[in-house]
N, C-alpha and C. Protein backbone atom coordinates (compact mmCIF):
# COMPACT_ATOMS: atom_id res chain seq x y z
N MET A 1 106.80 113.02 108.28
CA MET A 1 106.52 112.00 109.30
C MET A 1 106.62 110.59 108.74
N TYR A 2 106.14 110.41 107.49
CA TYR A 2 106.10 109.07 106.91
C TYR A 2 107.20 108.84 105.87
N ARG A 3 108.18 109.73 105.81
CA ARG A 3 109.23 109.59 104.82
C ARG A 3 110.31 108.61 105.25
N LYS A 4 110.45 108.37 106.54
CA LYS A 4 111.45 107.43 107.04
C LYS A 4 110.93 106.00 106.87
N ARG A 5 111.78 105.12 106.32
CA ARG A 5 111.42 103.72 106.11
C ARG A 5 112.46 102.85 106.82
N PRO A 6 112.30 102.62 108.13
CA PRO A 6 113.35 101.92 108.89
C PRO A 6 113.35 100.40 108.75
N ASN A 7 112.28 99.82 108.18
CA ASN A 7 112.17 98.36 108.13
C ASN A 7 113.27 97.73 107.28
N LEU A 8 113.73 96.57 107.69
CA LEU A 8 114.68 95.81 106.88
C LEU A 8 113.94 95.16 105.72
N MET A 9 114.61 95.13 104.54
CA MET A 9 114.02 94.57 103.34
C MET A 9 115.04 93.66 102.66
N LEU A 10 114.54 92.81 101.76
CA LEU A 10 115.40 91.94 100.96
C LEU A 10 115.33 92.34 99.50
N GLY A 11 116.49 92.38 98.87
CA GLY A 11 116.54 92.66 97.44
C GLY A 11 117.64 91.84 96.81
N PHE A 12 117.79 91.99 95.49
CA PHE A 12 118.77 91.19 94.76
C PHE A 12 119.49 92.05 93.72
N HIS A 13 120.79 91.80 93.61
CA HIS A 13 121.64 92.55 92.70
C HIS A 13 122.23 91.59 91.69
N GLY A 14 121.90 91.78 90.41
CA GLY A 14 122.45 90.93 89.37
C GLY A 14 123.87 91.35 89.02
N CYS A 15 124.75 90.38 88.86
CA CYS A 15 126.17 90.70 88.64
C CYS A 15 126.91 89.46 88.18
N ASP A 16 128.21 89.61 87.95
CA ASP A 16 129.06 88.47 87.68
C ASP A 16 129.30 87.70 88.99
N GLN A 17 129.55 86.41 88.90
CA GLN A 17 129.76 85.61 90.11
C GLN A 17 130.95 86.12 90.92
N SER A 18 131.97 86.63 90.25
CA SER A 18 133.13 87.15 90.97
C SER A 18 132.76 88.36 91.82
N VAL A 19 131.85 89.19 91.31
CA VAL A 19 131.38 90.35 92.06
C VAL A 19 130.55 89.90 93.26
N ARG A 20 129.68 88.91 93.04
CA ARG A 20 128.88 88.35 94.14
C ARG A 20 129.77 87.86 95.27
N ASP A 21 130.76 87.05 94.91
CA ASP A 21 131.63 86.47 95.94
C ASP A 21 132.43 87.55 96.67
N GLU A 22 132.86 88.58 95.93
CA GLU A 22 133.62 89.66 96.55
C GLU A 22 132.76 90.45 97.53
N LEU A 23 131.51 90.70 97.18
CA LEU A 23 130.62 91.43 98.07
C LEU A 23 130.32 90.63 99.34
N VAL A 24 130.19 89.33 99.21
CA VAL A 24 129.92 88.50 100.39
C VAL A 24 131.16 88.45 101.30
N ARG A 25 132.34 88.36 100.70
CA ARG A 25 133.58 88.29 101.49
C ARG A 25 133.98 89.65 102.05
N LYS A 26 133.78 90.68 101.25
CA LYS A 26 134.21 92.03 101.63
C LYS A 26 133.04 93.01 101.42
N PRO A 27 132.07 93.00 102.32
CA PRO A 27 130.84 93.76 102.13
C PRO A 27 131.01 95.28 102.14
N ASP A 28 132.18 95.77 102.52
CA ASP A 28 132.40 97.21 102.51
C ASP A 28 132.88 97.72 101.15
N LEU A 29 133.19 96.81 100.24
CA LEU A 29 133.69 97.19 98.92
C LEU A 29 132.55 97.25 97.91
N VAL A 30 131.66 98.20 98.10
CA VAL A 30 130.48 98.36 97.24
C VAL A 30 130.75 99.44 96.19
N LYS A 31 130.50 99.11 94.94
CA LYS A 31 130.71 100.07 93.87
C LYS A 31 129.35 100.62 93.40
N LYS A 32 129.25 101.93 93.35
CA LYS A 32 128.04 102.57 92.86
C LYS A 32 128.08 102.70 91.33
N SER A 33 126.92 102.61 90.72
CA SER A 33 126.83 102.93 89.29
C SER A 33 126.86 104.44 89.13
N ASN A 34 127.58 104.89 88.10
CA ASN A 34 127.72 106.32 87.88
C ASN A 34 127.49 106.66 86.41
N GLU A 35 126.51 105.97 85.81
CA GLU A 35 126.22 106.17 84.38
C GLU A 35 125.24 107.33 84.19
N SER A 36 125.35 107.98 83.05
CA SER A 36 124.46 109.12 82.77
C SER A 36 123.03 108.67 82.49
N PHE A 37 122.84 107.36 82.24
CA PHE A 37 121.51 106.84 81.90
C PHE A 37 120.89 106.01 83.02
N ASP A 38 121.48 106.03 84.23
CA ASP A 38 120.92 105.28 85.36
C ASP A 38 119.47 105.71 85.60
N TRP A 39 118.58 104.75 85.73
CA TRP A 39 117.14 105.05 85.78
C TRP A 39 116.74 105.87 86.99
N LEU A 40 117.41 105.67 88.10
CA LEU A 40 117.05 106.37 89.34
C LEU A 40 118.21 107.22 89.86
N GLY A 41 119.09 107.63 88.97
CA GLY A 41 120.26 108.37 89.40
C GLY A 41 121.39 107.44 89.80
N ASN A 42 122.45 107.98 90.30
CA ASN A 42 123.66 107.21 90.60
C ASN A 42 123.58 106.55 91.97
N GLY A 43 124.07 105.31 92.04
CA GLY A 43 124.05 104.59 93.31
C GLY A 43 124.20 103.10 93.08
N PHE A 44 123.95 102.32 94.12
CA PHE A 44 124.01 100.85 94.06
C PHE A 44 122.59 100.33 93.83
N TYR A 45 122.41 99.52 92.78
CA TYR A 45 121.07 99.12 92.35
C TYR A 45 120.66 97.74 92.85
N ILE A 46 119.39 97.67 93.23
CA ILE A 46 118.80 96.43 93.74
C ILE A 46 117.43 96.24 93.10
N TRP A 47 117.12 94.98 92.77
CA TRP A 47 115.76 94.63 92.36
C TRP A 47 115.01 94.25 93.64
N GLU A 48 113.94 94.95 93.95
CA GLU A 48 113.21 94.70 95.19
C GLU A 48 112.54 93.33 95.17
N ASN A 49 113.02 92.42 96.04
CA ASN A 49 112.43 91.10 96.23
C ASN A 49 112.16 90.38 94.90
N ASN A 50 113.14 90.43 93.99
CA ASN A 50 112.92 89.89 92.65
C ASN A 50 114.20 89.20 92.15
N TYR A 51 114.42 87.99 92.66
CA TYR A 51 115.61 87.22 92.28
C TYR A 51 115.65 86.93 90.78
N ALA A 52 114.51 86.51 90.23
CA ALA A 52 114.47 86.11 88.83
C ALA A 52 114.82 87.26 87.90
N ARG A 53 114.34 88.46 88.22
CA ARG A 53 114.63 89.62 87.37
C ARG A 53 116.10 90.02 87.47
N ALA A 54 116.67 89.90 88.66
CA ALA A 54 118.09 90.20 88.83
C ALA A 54 118.95 89.23 88.02
N LEU A 55 118.58 87.94 88.04
CA LEU A 55 119.32 86.94 87.28
C LEU A 55 119.18 87.17 85.78
N LYS A 56 117.96 87.51 85.33
CA LYS A 56 117.74 87.77 83.90
C LYS A 56 118.58 88.95 83.44
N TRP A 57 118.69 89.97 84.29
CA TRP A 57 119.51 91.13 83.95
C TRP A 57 120.97 90.72 83.75
N ALA A 58 121.46 89.87 84.67
CA ALA A 58 122.84 89.39 84.55
C ALA A 58 123.03 88.53 83.31
N GLU A 59 122.04 87.69 82.99
CA GLU A 59 122.13 86.84 81.80
C GLU A 59 122.13 87.69 80.53
N ASP A 60 121.34 88.75 80.54
CA ASP A 60 121.34 89.66 79.38
C ASP A 60 122.70 90.34 79.22
N LYS A 61 123.33 90.67 80.35
CA LYS A 61 124.66 91.28 80.30
C LYS A 61 125.67 90.29 79.70
N LYS A 62 125.54 89.00 80.05
CA LYS A 62 126.42 88.00 79.46
C LYS A 62 126.23 87.92 77.96
N ALA A 63 124.96 87.96 77.53
CA ALA A 63 124.67 87.89 76.10
C ALA A 63 125.30 89.06 75.34
N ARG A 64 125.44 90.19 76.03
CA ARG A 64 126.07 91.37 75.40
C ARG A 64 127.59 91.35 75.58
N GLY A 65 128.10 90.34 76.29
CA GLY A 65 129.53 90.19 76.44
C GLY A 65 130.16 91.04 77.51
N THR A 66 129.36 91.50 78.50
CA THR A 66 129.91 92.40 79.53
C THR A 66 130.13 91.72 80.88
N LEU A 67 129.77 90.44 80.99
CA LEU A 67 130.16 89.64 82.15
C LEU A 67 130.23 88.18 81.73
N SER A 68 130.88 87.34 82.55
CA SER A 68 131.13 85.97 82.12
C SER A 68 130.22 84.95 82.78
N THR A 69 129.95 85.11 84.09
CA THR A 69 129.15 84.12 84.81
C THR A 69 128.00 84.83 85.52
N PRO A 70 126.79 84.80 84.94
CA PRO A 70 125.65 85.49 85.55
C PRO A 70 125.36 84.97 86.95
N SER A 71 125.15 85.88 87.89
CA SER A 71 124.90 85.49 89.26
C SER A 71 124.06 86.56 89.95
N VAL A 72 123.67 86.26 91.18
CA VAL A 72 122.84 87.18 91.97
C VAL A 72 123.34 87.18 93.40
N VAL A 73 123.46 88.35 93.98
CA VAL A 73 123.78 88.46 95.40
C VAL A 73 122.57 89.03 96.12
N GLY A 74 122.22 88.42 97.25
CA GLY A 74 121.13 88.94 98.07
C GLY A 74 121.61 90.13 98.89
N VAL A 75 120.69 91.06 99.14
CA VAL A 75 121.02 92.28 99.88
C VAL A 75 119.97 92.51 100.97
N VAL A 76 120.45 92.69 102.20
CA VAL A 76 119.58 93.12 103.30
C VAL A 76 119.79 94.63 103.45
N TYR A 77 118.71 95.38 103.36
CA TYR A 77 118.84 96.84 103.35
C TYR A 77 117.61 97.50 103.95
N GLN A 78 117.71 98.80 104.17
CA GLN A 78 116.55 99.60 104.55
C GLN A 78 116.50 100.83 103.64
N LEU A 79 115.32 101.32 103.40
CA LEU A 79 115.15 102.50 102.55
C LEU A 79 115.50 103.78 103.28
N ASP A 80 115.21 103.82 104.58
CA ASP A 80 115.44 105.00 105.41
C ASP A 80 114.76 106.22 104.78
N TYR A 81 115.48 107.31 104.56
CA TYR A 81 114.85 108.51 103.99
C TYR A 81 114.83 108.36 102.48
N CYS A 82 113.67 108.03 101.94
CA CYS A 82 113.57 107.53 100.56
C CYS A 82 112.84 108.50 99.64
N LEU A 83 113.44 108.74 98.49
CA LEU A 83 112.80 109.47 97.40
C LEU A 83 112.02 108.43 96.60
N ASP A 84 110.76 108.25 96.96
CA ASP A 84 109.97 107.11 96.49
C ASP A 84 109.00 107.54 95.39
N PHE A 85 109.26 107.09 94.17
CA PHE A 85 108.43 107.47 93.04
C PHE A 85 107.21 106.57 92.86
N THR A 86 106.88 105.79 93.89
CA THR A 86 105.55 105.18 93.94
C THR A 86 104.64 106.03 94.82
N ASP A 87 105.15 107.14 95.32
CA ASP A 87 104.43 108.05 96.21
C ASP A 87 104.21 109.37 95.47
N SER A 88 102.96 109.80 95.36
CA SER A 88 102.62 110.99 94.58
C SER A 88 103.39 112.23 95.03
N GLU A 89 103.64 112.33 96.33
CA GLU A 89 104.36 113.50 96.85
C GLU A 89 105.71 113.68 96.17
N PHE A 90 106.43 112.59 96.01
CA PHE A 90 107.78 112.67 95.47
C PHE A 90 107.78 112.83 93.95
N ILE A 91 106.76 112.31 93.29
CA ILE A 91 106.63 112.55 91.85
C ILE A 91 106.41 114.03 91.59
N ASP A 92 105.58 114.67 92.41
CA ASP A 92 105.35 116.10 92.28
C ASP A 92 106.62 116.90 92.55
N ILE A 93 107.38 116.47 93.55
CA ILE A 93 108.66 117.14 93.86
C ILE A 93 109.61 117.04 92.68
N LEU A 94 109.69 115.86 92.07
CA LEU A 94 110.59 115.66 90.93
C LEU A 94 110.20 116.57 89.76
N ALA A 95 108.89 116.69 89.52
CA ALA A 95 108.42 117.55 88.43
C ALA A 95 108.83 119.01 88.67
N THR A 96 108.80 119.44 89.92
CA THR A 96 109.21 120.80 90.27
C THR A 96 110.68 121.01 89.95
N TYR A 97 111.51 120.04 90.29
CA TYR A 97 112.95 120.17 90.02
C TYR A 97 113.25 120.06 88.52
N TYR A 98 112.41 119.34 87.79
CA TYR A 98 112.57 119.32 86.32
C TYR A 98 112.40 120.73 85.77
N ASP A 99 111.36 121.43 86.23
CA ASP A 99 111.13 122.80 85.75
C ASP A 99 112.30 123.71 86.09
N LEU A 100 112.86 123.54 87.30
CA LEU A 100 114.00 124.36 87.71
C LEU A 100 115.23 124.06 86.85
N MET A 101 115.48 122.77 86.60
CA MET A 101 116.62 122.39 85.78
C MET A 101 116.46 122.88 84.35
N LYS A 102 115.27 122.76 83.82
CA LYS A 102 115.00 123.22 82.45
C LYS A 102 115.28 124.72 82.34
N GLY A 103 114.85 125.49 83.34
CA GLY A 103 115.10 126.92 83.33
C GLY A 103 116.59 127.24 83.40
N ASP A 104 117.33 126.51 84.24
CA ASP A 104 118.77 126.72 84.37
C ASP A 104 119.49 126.43 83.05
N LEU A 105 119.09 125.34 82.39
CA LEU A 105 119.75 124.96 81.14
C LEU A 105 119.42 125.96 80.02
N GLU A 106 118.17 126.40 79.97
CA GLU A 106 117.79 127.39 78.97
C GLU A 106 118.55 128.69 79.17
N PHE A 107 118.73 129.11 80.42
CA PHE A 107 119.47 130.32 80.72
C PHE A 107 120.93 130.19 80.29
N ALA A 108 121.47 128.96 80.42
CA ALA A 108 122.86 128.71 80.04
C ALA A 108 123.02 128.39 78.55
N GLY A 109 121.91 128.35 77.82
CA GLY A 109 121.96 128.05 76.39
C GLY A 109 122.24 126.59 76.09
N LYS A 110 121.87 125.70 77.03
CA LYS A 110 122.09 124.27 76.85
C LYS A 110 120.77 123.54 76.65
N LYS A 111 120.86 122.35 76.04
CA LYS A 111 119.68 121.54 75.78
C LYS A 111 119.46 120.52 76.88
N LEU A 112 118.19 120.18 77.09
CA LEU A 112 117.87 119.11 78.02
C LEU A 112 118.33 117.77 77.46
N PRO A 113 118.87 116.89 78.30
CA PRO A 113 119.13 115.52 77.84
C PRO A 113 117.80 114.83 77.55
N GLN A 114 117.87 113.74 76.83
CA GLN A 114 116.65 113.02 76.44
C GLN A 114 116.75 111.55 76.82
N ASN A 115 115.62 110.96 77.20
CA ASN A 115 115.54 109.51 77.34
C ASN A 115 115.50 108.90 75.94
N LYS A 116 116.18 107.76 75.78
CA LYS A 116 116.31 107.18 74.44
C LYS A 116 116.05 105.68 74.45
N ASP A 117 115.60 105.19 73.32
CA ASP A 117 115.46 103.75 73.13
C ASP A 117 116.78 103.15 72.68
N LEU A 118 117.00 101.88 73.02
CA LEU A 118 118.09 101.15 72.40
C LEU A 118 117.71 100.86 70.95
N PRO A 119 118.68 100.75 70.04
CA PRO A 119 118.37 100.60 68.62
C PRO A 119 117.44 99.43 68.29
N LYS A 120 117.57 98.31 69.02
CA LYS A 120 116.77 97.12 68.69
C LYS A 120 115.62 96.88 69.66
N ASP A 121 115.24 97.90 70.44
CA ASP A 121 114.16 97.73 71.42
C ASP A 121 112.81 97.96 70.74
N LYS A 122 112.13 96.86 70.40
CA LYS A 122 110.86 96.99 69.67
C LYS A 122 109.73 97.50 70.54
N TYR A 123 109.91 97.48 71.88
CA TYR A 123 108.85 97.94 72.78
C TYR A 123 109.03 99.40 73.20
N HIS A 124 110.12 100.02 72.78
CA HIS A 124 110.35 101.45 73.06
C HIS A 124 110.23 101.75 74.55
N ASP A 125 111.04 101.06 75.33
CA ASP A 125 111.01 101.20 76.79
C ASP A 125 111.90 102.31 77.32
N LEU A 126 112.54 103.07 76.40
CA LEU A 126 113.41 104.17 76.81
C LEU A 126 114.45 103.68 77.83
N ILE A 127 115.23 102.71 77.40
CA ILE A 127 116.20 102.07 78.28
C ILE A 127 117.27 103.05 78.77
N LEU A 128 117.65 103.98 77.92
CA LEU A 128 118.68 104.96 78.28
C LEU A 128 117.99 106.19 78.87
N ARG A 129 117.94 106.26 80.20
CA ARG A 129 117.15 107.29 80.88
C ARG A 129 118.02 108.51 81.25
N GLU A 130 118.58 109.15 80.25
CA GLU A 130 119.49 110.27 80.52
C GLU A 130 118.75 111.48 81.10
N LEU A 131 117.54 111.73 80.66
CA LEU A 131 116.78 112.85 81.21
C LEU A 131 116.39 112.57 82.66
N ASP A 132 115.83 111.39 82.91
CA ASP A 132 115.41 111.05 84.27
C ASP A 132 116.60 111.13 85.23
N CYS A 133 117.73 110.56 84.80
CA CYS A 133 118.92 110.55 85.65
C CYS A 133 119.37 111.97 85.94
N ALA A 134 119.37 112.82 84.92
CA ALA A 134 119.83 114.19 85.09
C ALA A 134 118.94 114.96 86.07
N VAL A 135 117.63 114.78 85.97
CA VAL A 135 116.71 115.49 86.86
C VAL A 135 116.88 115.01 88.30
N ILE A 136 117.01 113.70 88.48
CA ILE A 136 117.18 113.16 89.84
C ILE A 136 118.50 113.64 90.45
N GLU A 137 119.57 113.62 89.66
CA GLU A 137 120.85 114.10 90.18
C GLU A 137 120.82 115.60 90.46
N TYR A 138 120.09 116.35 89.64
CA TYR A 138 119.92 117.78 89.87
C TYR A 138 119.19 118.02 91.19
N LEU A 139 118.15 117.24 91.44
CA LEU A 139 117.42 117.33 92.71
C LEU A 139 118.37 117.11 93.89
N HIS A 140 119.16 116.05 93.84
CA HIS A 140 120.09 115.77 94.94
C HIS A 140 121.10 116.91 95.12
N GLN A 141 121.56 117.45 93.99
CA GLN A 141 122.53 118.54 94.05
C GLN A 141 121.93 119.77 94.72
N LYS A 142 120.69 120.11 94.34
CA LYS A 142 120.05 121.29 94.90
C LYS A 142 119.73 121.12 96.38
N VAL A 143 119.34 119.92 96.77
CA VAL A 143 119.10 119.65 98.20
C VAL A 143 120.40 119.83 98.97
N ASP A 144 121.50 119.31 98.43
CA ASP A 144 122.79 119.45 99.11
C ASP A 144 123.21 120.91 99.20
N GLU A 145 123.00 121.67 98.14
CA GLU A 145 123.35 123.09 98.16
C GLU A 145 122.55 123.84 99.21
N GLN A 146 121.27 123.49 99.35
CA GLN A 146 120.43 124.16 100.34
C GLN A 146 120.88 123.80 101.76
N ILE A 147 121.24 122.55 101.96
CA ILE A 147 121.73 122.12 103.28
C ILE A 147 123.00 122.90 103.65
N GLN A 148 123.94 122.98 102.71
CA GLN A 148 125.19 123.69 102.98
C GLN A 148 124.94 125.17 103.26
N LEU A 149 124.03 125.78 102.51
CA LEU A 149 123.70 127.19 102.72
C LEU A 149 123.07 127.41 104.09
N ASP A 150 122.12 126.54 104.45
CA ASP A 150 121.45 126.67 105.75
C ASP A 150 122.45 126.54 106.90
N LEU A 151 123.34 125.55 106.79
CA LEU A 151 124.30 125.33 107.87
C LEU A 151 125.27 126.52 107.99
N LYS A 152 125.58 127.12 106.86
CA LYS A 152 126.49 128.27 106.87
C LYS A 152 125.83 129.52 107.44
N THR A 153 124.55 129.72 107.11
CA THR A 153 123.89 130.96 107.49
C THR A 153 123.05 130.85 108.76
N LYS A 154 122.48 129.68 109.01
CA LYS A 154 121.58 129.51 110.15
C LYS A 154 122.08 128.50 111.18
N LYS A 155 123.09 127.72 110.81
CA LYS A 155 123.65 126.68 111.67
C LYS A 155 122.72 125.48 111.84
N PHE A 156 121.62 125.43 111.12
CA PHE A 156 120.74 124.27 111.13
C PHE A 156 120.00 124.22 109.80
N THR A 157 119.37 123.09 109.52
CA THR A 157 118.60 122.96 108.28
C THR A 157 117.43 122.00 108.48
N ASN A 158 116.37 122.24 107.75
CA ASN A 158 115.22 121.33 107.75
C ASN A 158 115.29 120.36 106.57
N TYR A 159 116.30 120.53 105.73
CA TYR A 159 116.48 119.64 104.59
C TYR A 159 117.31 118.42 105.01
N LYS A 160 117.18 117.35 104.24
CA LYS A 160 117.94 116.13 104.52
C LYS A 160 118.27 115.43 103.21
N HIS A 161 119.48 114.89 103.12
CA HIS A 161 119.86 114.11 101.94
C HIS A 161 119.01 112.84 101.87
N PHE A 162 118.62 112.46 100.68
CA PHE A 162 117.90 111.20 100.50
C PHE A 162 118.89 110.04 100.56
N ASP A 163 118.51 109.01 101.29
CA ASP A 163 119.36 107.82 101.41
C ASP A 163 119.18 106.88 100.23
N THR A 164 117.96 106.78 99.74
CA THR A 164 117.65 105.84 98.66
C THR A 164 116.64 106.47 97.71
N VAL A 165 116.54 105.85 96.53
CA VAL A 165 115.51 106.23 95.55
C VAL A 165 114.80 104.94 95.14
N ARG A 166 113.49 105.02 94.98
CA ARG A 166 112.70 103.82 94.66
C ARG A 166 111.75 104.14 93.52
N GLY A 167 111.64 103.23 92.55
CA GLY A 167 110.74 103.44 91.43
C GLY A 167 110.16 102.15 90.92
N VAL A 168 108.96 102.23 90.35
CA VAL A 168 108.33 101.06 89.74
C VAL A 168 108.37 101.26 88.22
N PHE A 169 108.70 100.19 87.50
CA PHE A 169 108.89 100.30 86.06
C PHE A 169 108.13 99.19 85.32
N THR A 170 107.58 99.55 84.19
CA THR A 170 106.91 98.59 83.32
C THR A 170 107.68 98.54 82.00
N GLU A 171 108.01 97.34 81.57
CA GLU A 171 108.80 97.21 80.33
C GLU A 171 108.72 95.77 79.83
N GLY A 172 109.19 95.57 78.63
CA GLY A 172 109.37 94.22 78.10
C GLY A 172 108.23 93.70 77.25
N GLY A 173 107.22 94.50 76.99
CA GLY A 173 106.10 94.04 76.18
C GLY A 173 105.07 93.27 76.99
N PRO A 174 103.85 93.10 76.46
CA PRO A 174 102.76 92.48 77.21
C PRO A 174 103.04 91.03 77.60
N ALA A 175 102.59 90.65 78.79
CA ALA A 175 102.80 89.28 79.28
C ALA A 175 102.00 88.27 78.45
N PHE A 176 100.93 88.71 77.84
CA PHE A 176 100.12 87.88 76.95
C PHE A 176 99.33 88.84 76.06
N ASP A 177 98.69 88.33 75.02
CA ASP A 177 97.97 89.18 74.07
C ASP A 177 96.93 90.04 74.77
N GLY A 178 97.04 91.35 74.58
CA GLY A 178 96.06 92.27 75.16
C GLY A 178 96.32 92.64 76.60
N ALA A 179 97.42 92.14 77.19
CA ALA A 179 97.68 92.36 78.62
C ALA A 179 98.13 93.79 78.89
N GLY A 180 97.74 94.30 80.06
CA GLY A 180 98.29 95.55 80.56
C GLY A 180 99.54 95.30 81.39
N ILE A 181 99.70 94.07 81.83
CA ILE A 181 100.89 93.66 82.60
C ILE A 181 102.01 93.33 81.62
N GLN A 182 103.20 93.84 81.88
CA GLN A 182 104.32 93.60 80.98
C GLN A 182 105.31 92.59 81.58
N LYS A 183 106.08 91.98 80.71
CA LYS A 183 106.94 90.86 81.10
C LYS A 183 108.01 91.23 82.11
N LYS A 184 108.53 92.45 82.04
CA LYS A 184 109.66 92.83 82.88
C LYS A 184 109.29 93.87 83.94
N ASN A 185 108.02 93.91 84.34
CA ASN A 185 107.63 94.83 85.42
C ASN A 185 108.47 94.56 86.66
N HIS A 186 108.87 95.64 87.34
CA HIS A 186 109.69 95.45 88.54
C HIS A 186 109.74 96.73 89.36
N ILE A 187 110.20 96.57 90.59
CA ILE A 187 110.50 97.70 91.45
C ILE A 187 112.00 97.72 91.67
N GLN A 188 112.59 98.88 91.45
CA GLN A 188 114.04 99.01 91.56
C GLN A 188 114.39 99.99 92.68
N ILE A 189 115.51 99.73 93.33
CA ILE A 189 116.00 100.58 94.40
C ILE A 189 117.41 101.06 94.03
N CYS A 190 117.64 102.34 94.21
CA CYS A 190 118.98 102.90 94.06
C CYS A 190 119.43 103.38 95.44
N ILE A 191 120.47 102.75 95.95
CA ILE A 191 120.96 103.12 97.28
C ILE A 191 122.11 104.11 97.13
N ARG A 192 121.91 105.31 97.69
CA ARG A 192 122.93 106.36 97.66
C ARG A 192 123.77 106.34 98.93
N ASN A 193 123.10 106.16 100.06
CA ASN A 193 123.80 106.07 101.34
C ASN A 193 124.09 104.59 101.61
N LEU A 194 125.32 104.18 101.45
CA LEU A 194 125.67 102.76 101.55
C LEU A 194 125.48 102.20 102.94
N ASN A 195 125.29 103.06 103.95
CA ASN A 195 124.98 102.58 105.30
C ASN A 195 123.61 101.93 105.37
N CYS A 196 122.80 102.14 104.33
CA CYS A 196 121.49 101.48 104.28
C CYS A 196 121.61 99.99 103.98
N ILE A 197 122.76 99.58 103.45
CA ILE A 197 123.01 98.16 103.20
C ILE A 197 123.52 97.52 104.48
N LYS A 198 122.79 96.52 104.97
CA LYS A 198 123.16 95.87 106.23
C LYS A 198 123.97 94.60 106.03
N GLY A 199 123.92 94.04 104.83
CA GLY A 199 124.70 92.85 104.58
C GLY A 199 124.37 92.22 103.24
N PHE A 200 125.25 91.32 102.78
CA PHE A 200 125.07 90.58 101.54
C PHE A 200 125.03 89.08 101.86
N PHE A 201 124.37 88.32 101.01
CA PHE A 201 124.33 86.87 101.19
C PHE A 201 124.18 86.18 99.84
N ILE A 202 124.61 84.92 99.79
CA ILE A 202 124.40 84.10 98.60
C ILE A 202 123.04 83.43 98.74
N PRO A 203 122.08 83.74 97.87
CA PRO A 203 120.74 83.17 98.01
C PRO A 203 120.77 81.65 97.88
N ARG A 204 120.08 80.97 98.78
CA ARG A 204 119.98 79.52 98.71
C ARG A 204 118.77 79.13 97.87
N LYS A 205 118.82 77.94 97.30
CA LYS A 205 117.69 77.44 96.52
C LYS A 205 116.59 76.99 97.45
N GLU A 206 115.36 77.27 97.09
CA GLU A 206 114.22 76.87 97.92
C GLU A 206 114.09 75.36 97.93
N SER A 207 113.89 74.80 99.10
CA SER A 207 113.73 73.36 99.23
C SER A 207 112.40 72.91 98.65
N LYS A 208 112.40 71.76 98.02
CA LYS A 208 111.17 71.19 97.47
C LYS A 208 110.64 70.12 98.42
N PHE A 209 109.46 70.34 98.94
CA PHE A 209 108.87 69.39 99.87
C PHE A 209 107.79 68.57 99.16
N PRO A 210 107.68 67.27 99.48
CA PRO A 210 106.67 66.41 98.84
C PRO A 210 105.27 66.82 99.26
């Protein structure tokens, strides 16, 4: 009953300026991330209502030499049917699919992937989330398999593909000495169903009033 999230939301996607301009001009040309270490599985990533974090991500990419002009594109979207890891129900569901995947891999004589730190990450934030990504993608795969089986055998299904994935993350070291709050805390959205994206915009600077 409460899994549908129809409300419109604002988020931000860090990228090169050329990508920002292309998305604004041609909003149907959206590229999904398909990396094995994607934190929330494969899809189009948004920082929930966090322009500064999106820009910092793009600036960090420039420092690593993977883009030239750090920029941010605004995104109007809805979560719709969301696999939300700020909700205990979905965390429990994910743990169940982890057990299933672990059993499948053990039966096949394969090892579980592992989350890993970047070599110079002094805070050990497990930036490369290969295990998390694998479990989330396994969940989506099994849901799809069940849907196809139900439609073939019963002509209907009670299962539904997830449109988006949402997670809250803490990283970057303490905001100040002794803090429980970390510098790079954020909420991230992974959009799998691109119909959840309603439009892109170039964020304007906030006006300063006397």
